[in-house]
Amino acid sequence: MASYTVSNYIKLDAQKRQKCIKDFAIEKIDDFLDTFASLYLPGLSSTGLLREHIAEVIKYNAIGGKMTRGTLAADVFLQTVRFLFPGLLEDSNFSEELLNLSIDICLIQETLQAAFLMLDDVIDHSTVRRGKPSWRTVVGDEQAVNDGMMLWQVADSLTFYLEDKCGKTLKIFEVFHQVKANTIFGQHLDTFTKTYSQRYTMRHLNDTYILKTAYYTFYFPLMMGYRAGVLFGNVAIGASAASEGRQTMQKVDSILNLQQHLDADVEQQIYKISMDLGRLYQMQDDFLDFYAPEILHKESTDYLESKAVWPLVRALEISASEEARGKGVSPQTILTVYGKRVSDKESIQRLFDALDLKRVYVHEASALLEQCKEELASMPSYISDSIGATFELLSSRINVEVIRPSK
């Protein structure tokens, strides 16, 4: 806890700041859950039982992983406050509250993600998640579904708590609701469209990437962190002016005034880079799921379930050419061996290798990464600085050992 202070935080680079936030969130989780229980759980004899179970579910599914979404959101929040409201982060009247709110923001992200992953594992019948047994294998499918919905409710409540601290504009809850809805829509496109004739097209795949991945992996932490920082900063200025008995133009006294402090141009930049980063991230995830699932710490099952993923969709596009037919590869030959419960991965990989799919992946992923870097360069520094570690991860997922040509 001592390591997570304002004086230490402002001295660190983005990667160390976010590591510091993660450590503090893990350390404070029990105190945080006690606060949640007192505010949102009914005062019944079973409240203690519910609190213990929620704590168990969160600690198993949300705490201890990379926590990149949560720490990114918290860092953007604190950096927005730091640079748009100089001195506020260091102000003893607000510093402790700001640090605690950053943990709230972090846990909103991680709790919602955990809920989605728990339900996703039930849908996909997955037995491994993050290198350990998935929650459904621990408690069974029925309880895993209920626990996933329980974590949704926890994330809902934490978001309302954050709204209360940031002026009650509903602009933060708007982001939360939009992300939750679009992720559910994306799950449908990813899983329940097997009879849709256009599912193996890049247009359908990009829609799935945006809805299922881009919104909650990048848009959610960036937009929530930014909005919470701007709104809380202005509320704090107004509260400070009121406590000193000063009537100034800085005092914020209405929801409309608060909303007007949100910069539409910055929000558009956040949206654009989030969608492109989401497409790149899921493209990489699809590729590594097939070629190197051990890097993702999960089972490779997409090719058995007839899922529309980047390696398949891109291979189908390439295989429609005359050059591919000359190599004995066509869309029909690929679909003959792909998506069957008894599909042989090596047979599919030989077809993909004949199309030089690894080289295509490196070329297209690298081009999209460069596009994202250009977008990042035009963003405010207090946001772009926080995303640096994300770009290191995305770059490393292009230059992996498995891409090198087979001997």
Protein backbone atom coordinates (compact mmCIF):
# COMPACT_ATOMS: atom_id res chain seq x y z
CA MET A 1 0.00 0.00 0.00
CA ALA A 2 2.83 2.35 0.80
CA SER A 3 4.13 1.97 -2.76
CA TYR A 4 0.88 3.33 -4.18
CA THR A 5 1.03 6.97 -3.20
CA VAL A 6 0.72 10.09 -5.30
CA SER A 7 4.36 11.02 -4.77
CA ASN A 8 5.50 7.60 -6.02
CA TYR A 9 2.93 7.29 -8.78
CA ILE A 10 3.85 10.50 -10.61
CA LYS A 11 7.52 9.49 -10.82
CA LEU A 12 6.88 6.27 -12.72
CA ASP A 13 6.57 5.46 -16.41
CA ALA A 14 3.32 4.00 -17.73
CA GLN A 15 4.27 0.34 -17.35
CA LYS A 16 5.41 0.78 -13.74
CA ARG A 17 2.40 2.96 -12.91
CA GLN A 18 0.04 0.27 -14.11
CA LYS A 19 1.98 -2.44 -12.24
CA CYS A 20 1.65 -0.29 -9.12
CA ILE A 21 -2.12 0.03 -9.65
CA LYS A 22 -2.45 -3.73 -10.10
CA ASP A 23 -0.55 -4.48 -6.89
CA PHE A 24 -2.67 -1.99 -4.95
CA ALA A 25 -5.92 -3.39 -6.35
CA ILE A 26 -4.94 -6.91 -5.28
CA GLU A 27 -3.94 -5.66 -1.84
CA LYS A 28 -7.14 -3.65 -1.36
CA ILE A 29 -9.65 -6.15 -2.74
CA ASP A 30 -10.99 -7.25 0.67
CA ASP A 31 -11.47 -3.67 1.89
CA PHE A 32 -13.10 -2.88 -1.42
CA LEU A 33 -15.53 -5.78 -1.16
CA ASP A 34 -16.44 -4.78 2.39
CA THR A 35 -17.38 -1.34 1.07
CA PHE A 36 -19.40 -2.91 -1.74
CA ALA A 37 -21.24 -5.23 0.65
CA SER A 38 -22.21 -2.41 2.98
CA LEU A 39 -23.54 -0.28 0.11
CA TYR A 40 -25.24 -2.75 -2.20
CA LEU A 41 -25.94 -6.09 -0.51
CA PRO A 42 -29.24 -6.38 1.38
CA GLY A 43 -28.97 -6.32 5.17
CA LEU A 44 -30.03 -9.94 5.69
CA SER A 45 -28.65 -12.82 7.64
CA SER A 46 -27.20 -14.29 4.42
CA THR A 47 -25.26 -11.14 3.51
CA GLY A 48 -22.03 -12.54 4.92
CA LEU A 49 -22.43 -15.72 2.88
CA LEU A 50 -23.01 -13.70 -0.31
CA ARG A 51 -20.04 -11.46 0.39
CA GLU A 52 -17.76 -14.46 0.88
CA HIS A 53 -18.95 -16.09 -2.33
CA ILE A 54 -18.58 -12.90 -4.38
CA ALA A 55 -15.07 -12.50 -3.00
CA GLU A 56 -14.21 -16.08 -3.97
CA VAL A 57 -15.55 -15.64 -7.51
CA ILE A 58 -13.76 -12.32 -8.07
CA LYS A 59 -10.45 -13.51 -6.67
CA TYR A 60 -10.49 -16.67 -8.81
CA ASN A 61 -11.66 -15.08 -12.05
CA ALA A 62 -10.70 -11.37 -11.99
CA ILE A 63 -7.68 -10.92 -9.75
CA GLY A 64 -4.15 -12.10 -10.41
CA GLY A 65 -4.08 -12.14 -14.20
CA LYS A 66 -2.48 -9.40 -16.28
CA MET A 67 -5.36 -7.02 -15.46
CA THR A 68 -4.36 -4.88 -18.43
CA ARG A 69 -7.82 -3.42 -19.05
CA GLY A 70 -8.34 -2.39 -15.44
CA THR A 71 -4.91 -0.89 -14.89
CA LEU A 72 -5.08 0.94 -18.23
CA ALA A 73 -8.44 2.51 -17.29
CA ALA A 74 -7.19 3.54 -13.85
CA ASP A 75 -4.01 5.03 -15.29
CA VAL A 76 -5.90 7.03 -17.95
CA PHE A 77 -8.18 8.34 -15.21
CA LEU A 78 -5.31 9.51 -13.00
CA GLN A 79 -3.29 10.90 -15.90
CA THR A 80 -6.32 12.84 -17.17
CA VAL A 81 -6.79 14.39 -13.73
CA ARG A 82 -3.09 15.07 -13.40
CA PHE A 83 -2.69 16.93 -16.70
CA LEU A 84 -6.06 18.64 -17.07
CA PHE A 85 -6.28 19.72 -13.42
CA PRO A 86 -2.71 20.50 -12.31
CA GLY A 87 -2.18 20.07 -8.59
CA LEU A 88 -5.45 18.21 -7.94
CA LEU A 89 -3.85 14.78 -7.77
CA GLU A 90 -1.34 16.09 -5.24
CA ASP A 91 -4.00 17.95 -3.21
CA SER A 92 -4.35 16.21 0.16
CA ASN A 93 -8.11 16.94 0.07
CA PHE A 94 -8.54 14.73 -2.99
CA SER A 95 -5.49 12.47 -3.43
CA GLU A 96 -6.75 9.55 -1.32
CA GLU A 97 -10.18 9.66 -2.95
CA LEU A 98 -8.59 9.74 -6.41
CA LEU A 99 -6.44 6.72 -5.66
CA ASN A 100 -9.44 4.79 -4.31
CA LEU A 101 -11.54 5.75 -7.33
CA SER A 102 -8.79 4.49 -9.60
CA ILE A 103 -9.13 1.07 -7.94
CA ASP A 104 -12.91 1.23 -8.40
CA ILE A 105 -12.38 1.92 -12.10
CA CYS A 106 -9.86 -0.91 -12.35
CA LEU A 107 -12.20 -3.41 -10.71
CA ILE A 108 -15.19 -2.38 -12.84
CA GLN A 109 -13.17 -3.37 -15.90
CA GLU A 110 -11.84 -6.60 -14.46
CA THR A 111 -15.13 -7.70 -12.92
CA LEU A 112 -17.08 -7.20 -16.14
CA GLN A 113 -14.40 -8.99 -18.14
CA ALA A 114 -14.43 -11.90 -15.69
CA ALA A 115 -18.20 -12.17 -16.07
CA PHE A 116 -17.92 -12.32 -19.86
CA LEU A 117 -15.13 -14.91 -19.75
CA MET A 118 -17.02 -17.12 -17.32
CA LEU A 119 -20.10 -17.15 -19.55
CA ASP A 120 -17.97 -17.52 -22.69
CA ASP A 121 -16.33 -20.62 -21.23
CA VAL A 122 -19.77 -22.16 -20.62
CA ILE A 123 -20.81 -21.44 -24.20
CA ASP A 124 -17.55 -22.81 -25.63
CA HIS A 125 -17.30 -25.71 -23.13
CA SER A 126 -13.78 -24.52 -22.26
CA THR A 127 -11.95 -26.31 -19.47
CA VAL A 128 -8.91 -24.02 -19.18
CA ARG A 129 -8.73 -20.26 -18.64
CA ARG A 130 -5.52 -18.33 -17.94
CA GLY A 131 -3.59 -21.52 -17.39
CA LYS A 132 -5.91 -22.97 -14.73
CA PRO A 133 -9.27 -24.80 -14.69
CA SER A 134 -12.08 -22.58 -15.94
CA TRP A 135 -14.70 -21.61 -13.36
CA ARG A 136 -17.29 -23.88 -14.97
CA THR A 137 -15.09 -26.91 -14.32
CA VAL A 138 -14.80 -25.88 -10.67
CA VAL A 139 -18.48 -25.25 -9.86
CA GLY A 140 -20.44 -26.60 -12.86
CA ASP A 141 -22.17 -24.82 -15.72
CA GLU A 142 -25.33 -23.83 -13.85
CA GLN A 143 -23.51 -22.08 -11.03
CA ALA A 144 -20.97 -20.55 -13.42
CA VAL A 145 -23.81 -18.87 -15.31
CA ASN A 146 -25.33 -17.49 -12.13
CA ASP A 147 -21.93 -16.37 -10.86
CA GLY A 148 -21.29 -14.59 -14.15
CA MET A 149 -24.56 -12.69 -13.81
CA MET A 150 -23.65 -11.94 -10.19
CA LEU A 151 -20.39 -10.31 -11.32
CA TRP A 152 -22.36 -8.28 -13.87
CA GLN A 153 -24.39 -6.92 -10.98
CA VAL A 154 -21.26 -6.12 -9.02
CA ALA A 155 -19.86 -4.21 -12.01
CA ASP A 156 -23.20 -2.38 -12.41
CA SER A 157 -23.14 -1.29 -8.78
CA LEU A 158 -19.52 -0.16 -8.91
CA THR A 159 -20.32 1.93 -11.98
CA PHE A 160 -23.22 3.65 -10.21
CA TYR A 161 -20.87 4.37 -7.32
CA LEU A 162 -18.41 5.96 -9.75
CA GLU A 163 -21.22 7.97 -11.36
CA ASP A 164 -22.16 9.36 -7.96
CA LYS A 165 -18.59 10.59 -7.45
CA CYS A 166 -18.37 12.10 -10.93
CA GLY A 167 -21.46 14.31 -11.00
CA LYS A 168 -24.27 11.87 -11.89
CA THR A 169 -24.24 12.81 -15.59
CA LEU A 170 -24.80 9.15 -16.64
CA LYS A 171 -21.99 9.64 -19.19
CA ILE A 172 -19.94 6.95 -17.45
CA PHE A 173 -22.84 4.54 -17.19
CA GLU A 174 -23.54 5.24 -20.87
CA VAL A 175 -20.10 3.84 -21.71
CA PHE A 176 -20.62 0.85 -19.43
CA HIS A 177 -24.02 0.04 -20.94
CA GLN A 178 -22.79 0.50 -24.51
CA VAL A 179 -19.84 -1.80 -23.95
CA LYS A 180 -21.88 -4.50 -22.22
CA ALA A 181 -24.54 -4.49 -24.95
CA ASN A 182 -22.10 -4.50 -27.87
CA THR A 183 -20.04 -7.31 -26.35
CA ILE A 184 -23.16 -9.45 -26.05
CA PHE A 185 -24.03 -8.67 -29.69
CA GLY A 186 -20.49 -9.60 -30.67
CA GLN A 187 -20.75 -12.90 -28.83
CA HIS A 188 -23.81 -13.70 -30.92
CA LEU A 189 -21.97 -12.95 -34.17
CA ASP A 190 -19.02 -15.04 -33.02
CA THR A 191 -20.92 -18.08 -31.79
CA PHE A 192 -24.49 -18.32 -33.00
CA THR A 193 -24.41 -17.55 -36.74
CA LYS A 194 -23.34 -20.92 -38.12
CA THR A 195 -26.12 -20.90 -40.71
CA TYR A 196 -25.37 -17.33 -41.88
CA SER A 197 -24.10 -17.53 -45.46
CA GLN A 198 -21.73 -14.55 -45.10
CA ARG A 199 -20.08 -15.59 -41.84
CA TYR A 200 -16.79 -16.56 -43.53
CA THR A 201 -16.21 -13.06 -44.93
CA MET A 202 -13.84 -10.36 -43.70
CA ARG A 203 -16.73 -7.91 -43.36
CA HIS A 204 -18.54 -10.20 -40.92
CA LEU A 205 -15.29 -10.95 -39.11
CA ASN A 206 -14.44 -7.25 -38.64
CA ASP A 207 -17.94 -6.59 -37.27
CA THR A 208 -17.41 -9.41 -34.78
CA TYR A 209 -13.99 -8.06 -33.80
CA ILE A 210 -15.37 -4.59 -33.17
CA LEU A 211 -18.39 -5.69 -31.15
CA LYS A 212 -16.87 -8.59 -29.25
CA THR A 213 -13.36 -7.29 -28.61
CA ALA A 214 -12.73 -3.64 -29.46
CA TYR A 215 -15.41 -2.15 -27.25
CA TYR A 216 -14.57 -3.85 -23.97
CA THR A 217 -10.83 -4.36 -24.47
CA PHE A 218 -9.89 -0.83 -25.54
CA TYR A 219 -12.84 1.55 -25.81
CA PHE A 220 -14.11 0.70 -22.33
CA PRO A 221 -10.90 1.41 -20.36
CA LEU A 222 -9.89 4.43 -22.45
CA MET A 223 -13.29 6.13 -22.53
CA MET A 224 -14.23 5.37 -18.94
CA GLY A 225 -10.84 6.54 -17.70
CA TYR A 226 -11.04 9.74 -19.75
CA ARG A 227 -14.63 10.62 -18.85
CA ALA A 228 -14.19 9.86 -15.17
CA GLY A 229 -11.06 12.01 -15.06
CA VAL A 230 -12.68 15.02 -16.74
CA LEU A 231 -15.93 14.79 -14.78
CA PHE A 232 -14.39 14.15 -11.37
CA GLY A 233 -11.86 16.93 -11.92
CA ASN A 234 -14.57 19.46 -12.62
CA VAL A 235 -16.71 18.25 -9.72
CA ALA A 236 -13.69 18.61 -7.43
CA ILE A 237 -13.03 22.15 -8.64
CA GLY A 238 -16.63 23.07 -7.96
CA ALA A 239 -16.58 21.46 -4.52
CA SER A 240 -13.36 23.24 -3.64
CA ALA A 241 -14.74 26.61 -4.73
CA ALA A 242 -17.97 26.05 -2.80
CA SER A 243 -16.14 25.06 0.39
CA GLU A 244 -14.14 28.29 0.22
CA GLY A 245 -17.28 30.34 -0.27
CA ARG A 246 -16.14 31.58 -3.68
CA GLN A 247 -18.49 31.99 -6.63
CA THR A 248 -16.35 31.56 -9.71
CA MET A 249 -16.82 30.61 -13.33
CA GLN A 250 -15.03 27.36 -12.50
CA LYS A 251 -17.74 26.15 -10.18
CA VAL A 252 -19.69 23.34 -11.75
CA ASP A 253 -23.30 23.26 -10.63
CA SER A 254 -25.22 21.35 -13.31
CA ILE A 255 -25.09 18.11 -15.26
CA LEU A 256 -25.19 20.07 -18.52
CA ASN A 257 -22.13 22.07 -17.56
CA LEU A 258 -20.27 18.91 -16.63
CA GLN A 259 -21.05 17.21 -19.94
CA GLN A 260 -19.79 20.21 -21.89
CA HIS A 261 -16.29 19.66 -20.48
CA LEU A 262 -15.99 16.36 -22.38
CA ASP A 263 -14.04 16.98 -25.60
CA ALA A 264 -15.84 15.46 -28.60
CA ASP A 265 -12.64 15.42 -30.67
CA VAL A 266 -10.75 13.48 -28.01
CA GLU A 267 -13.61 11.03 -27.69
CA GLN A 268 -13.63 10.49 -31.45
CA GLN A 269 -9.90 9.77 -31.34
CA ILE A 270 -10.47 7.28 -28.54
CA TYR A 271 -13.19 5.57 -30.56
CA LYS A 272 -11.09 5.32 -33.73
CA ILE A 273 -7.96 3.90 -32.13
CA SER A 274 -10.02 1.55 -29.96
CA MET A 275 -11.73 0.00 -32.97
CA ASP A 276 -8.44 -0.46 -34.84
CA LEU A 277 -6.62 -1.83 -31.80
CA GLY A 278 -9.51 -4.22 -31.23
CA ARG A 279 -9.31 -5.54 -34.77
CA LEU A 280 -5.55 -5.99 -34.48
CA TYR A 281 -5.74 -7.65 -31.06
CA GLN A 282 -8.42 -10.17 -32.10
CA MET A 283 -6.70 -10.88 -35.41
CA GLN A 284 -3.59 -11.76 -33.40
CA ASP A 285 -5.63 -13.77 -30.91
CA ASP A 286 -7.16 -15.83 -33.71
CA PHE A 287 -3.78 -16.44 -35.30
CA LEU A 288 -2.09 -17.46 -32.05
CA ASP A 289 -5.06 -19.61 -31.01
CA PHE A 290 -4.37 -21.76 -34.05
CA TYR A 291 -0.57 -21.64 -34.24
CA ALA A 292 0.55 -21.08 -30.63
CA PRO A 293 -2.27 -21.51 -28.08
CA GLU A 294 0.31 -21.94 -25.33
CA ILE A 295 1.11 -18.22 -25.63
CA LEU A 296 -2.53 -17.44 -24.80
CA HIS A 297 -2.67 -20.03 -21.98
CA LYS A 298 -5.80 -21.64 -23.35
CA GLU A 299 -6.97 -24.56 -25.46
CA SER A 300 -7.02 -24.35 -29.24
CA THR A 301 -10.56 -25.34 -30.22
CA ASP A 302 -11.75 -22.75 -32.77
CA TYR A 303 -10.79 -24.95 -35.72
CA LEU A 304 -12.92 -27.78 -34.30
CA GLU A 305 -16.00 -25.58 -33.82
CA SER A 306 -16.25 -24.16 -37.32
CA LYS A 307 -15.65 -20.64 -35.98
CA ALA A 308 -15.11 -17.72 -38.30
CA VAL A 309 -11.57 -16.66 -37.35
CA TRP A 310 -8.86 -14.73 -39.16
CA PRO A 311 -6.71 -17.71 -40.35
CA LEU A 312 -9.74 -19.41 -41.92
CA VAL A 313 -11.40 -16.33 -43.44
CA ARG A 314 -8.13 -14.99 -44.88
CA ALA A 315 -7.18 -18.43 -46.20
CA LEU A 316 -10.56 -18.76 -47.92
CA GLU A 317 -10.01 -15.39 -49.62
CA ILE A 318 -6.52 -16.32 -50.83
CA SER A 319 -7.53 -19.82 -51.89
CA ALA A 320 -10.07 -18.43 -54.36
CA SER A 321 -7.22 -17.28 -56.63
CA GLU A 322 -5.87 -19.16 -59.65
CA GLU A 323 -2.44 -19.29 -58.02
CA ALA A 324 -3.85 -21.12 -55.00
CA ARG A 325 -5.70 -23.60 -57.19
CA GLY A 326 -2.38 -24.33 -58.87
CA LYS A 327 -1.09 -25.38 -55.48
CA GLY A 328 -4.04 -27.70 -54.99
CA VAL A 329 -5.80 -25.44 -52.47
CA SER A 330 -9.33 -24.08 -52.88
CA PRO A 331 -12.08 -22.90 -50.53
CA GLN A 332 -13.69 -26.31 -50.89
CA THR A 333 -10.56 -28.22 -49.88
CA ILE A 334 -10.17 -26.03 -46.78
CA LEU A 335 -13.79 -26.37 -45.70
CA THR A 336 -13.60 -30.13 -46.21
CA VAL A 337 -11.09 -30.48 -43.37
CA TYR A 338 -11.99 -27.44 -41.21
CA GLY A 339 -14.65 -27.21 -38.53
CA LYS A 340 -15.20 -30.88 -37.86
CA ARG A 341 -15.02 -32.41 -34.39
CA VAL A 342 -12.42 -34.80 -35.78
CA SER A 343 -10.53 -32.18 -37.79
CA ASP A 344 -6.82 -32.79 -38.03
CA LYS A 345 -4.97 -29.58 -37.18
CA GLU A 346 -1.84 -30.57 -39.10
CA SER A 347 -3.87 -31.13 -42.28
CA ILE A 348 -5.41 -27.66 -41.96
CA GLN A 349 -2.01 -26.13 -41.25
CA ARG A 350 -0.49 -27.70 -44.37
CA LEU A 351 -3.16 -25.99 -46.47
CA PHE A 352 -2.58 -22.68 -44.70
CA ASP A 353 1.18 -23.02 -45.15
CA ALA A 354 0.71 -23.63 -48.87
CA LEU A 355 -0.98 -20.22 -48.99
CA ASP A 356 1.93 -18.64 -47.05
CA LEU A 357 -0.55 -17.52 -44.40
CA LYS A 358 2.11 -16.69 -41.82
CA ARG A 359 3.72 -14.15 -44.14
CA VAL A 360 0.31 -12.62 -44.87
CA TYR A 361 -0.34 -12.33 -41.13
CA VAL A 362 2.95 -10.57 -40.45
CA HIS A 363 2.39 -8.13 -43.32
CA GLU A 364 -1.21 -7.24 -42.46
CA ALA A 365 -0.76 -7.14 -38.69
CA SER A 366 2.32 -4.95 -39.06
CA ALA A 367 0.46 -2.53 -41.35
CA LEU A 368 -2.46 -2.25 -38.92
CA LEU A 369 -0.05 -1.73 -36.01
CA GLU A 370 1.63 1.14 -37.87
CA GLN A 371 -1.78 2.69 -38.55
CA CYS A 372 -2.56 2.53 -34.84
CA LYS A 373 0.78 4.14 -34.01
CA GLU A 374 -0.03 7.06 -36.31
CA GLU A 375 -3.40 7.50 -34.60
CA LEU A 376 -1.72 7.35 -31.20
CA ALA A 377 0.72 10.11 -32.14
CA SER A 378 -2.15 12.57 -32.66
CA MET A 379 -3.80 11.85 -29.29
CA PRO A 380 -3.35 13.91 -26.10
CA SER A 381 -0.16 12.84 -24.31
CA TYR A 382 -1.97 12.02 -21.08
CA ILE A 383 -3.83 9.27 -22.95
CA SER A 384 -1.19 8.14 -25.43
CA ASP A 385 1.42 7.69 -22.69
CA SER A 386 -0.82 5.21 -20.88
CA ILE A 387 -1.23 2.99 -23.96
CA GLY A 388 2.50 2.46 -24.56
CA ALA A 389 2.66 -0.94 -22.86
CA THR A 390 -0.27 -2.12 -24.99
CA PHE A 391 1.72 -1.43 -28.15
CA GLU A 392 4.65 -3.43 -26.81
CA LEU A 393 2.35 -6.40 -26.31
CA LEU A 394 0.81 -6.10 -29.78
CA SER A 395 4.24 -5.82 -31.38
CA SER A 396 5.46 -8.93 -29.56
CA ARG A 397 2.44 -10.88 -30.83
CA ILE A 398 3.55 -10.26 -34.41
CA ASN A 399 7.15 -11.34 -33.99
CA VAL A 400 6.70 -14.70 -32.33
CA GLU A 401 8.82 -17.81 -32.78
CA VAL A 402 6.00 -19.80 -34.36
CA ILE A 403 5.90 -17.51 -37.41
CA ARG A 404 9.36 -18.49 -38.58
CA PRO A 405 9.30 -20.86 -41.57
CA SER A 406 9.17 -24.53 -40.77
CA LYS A 407 12.39 -26.44 -41.42
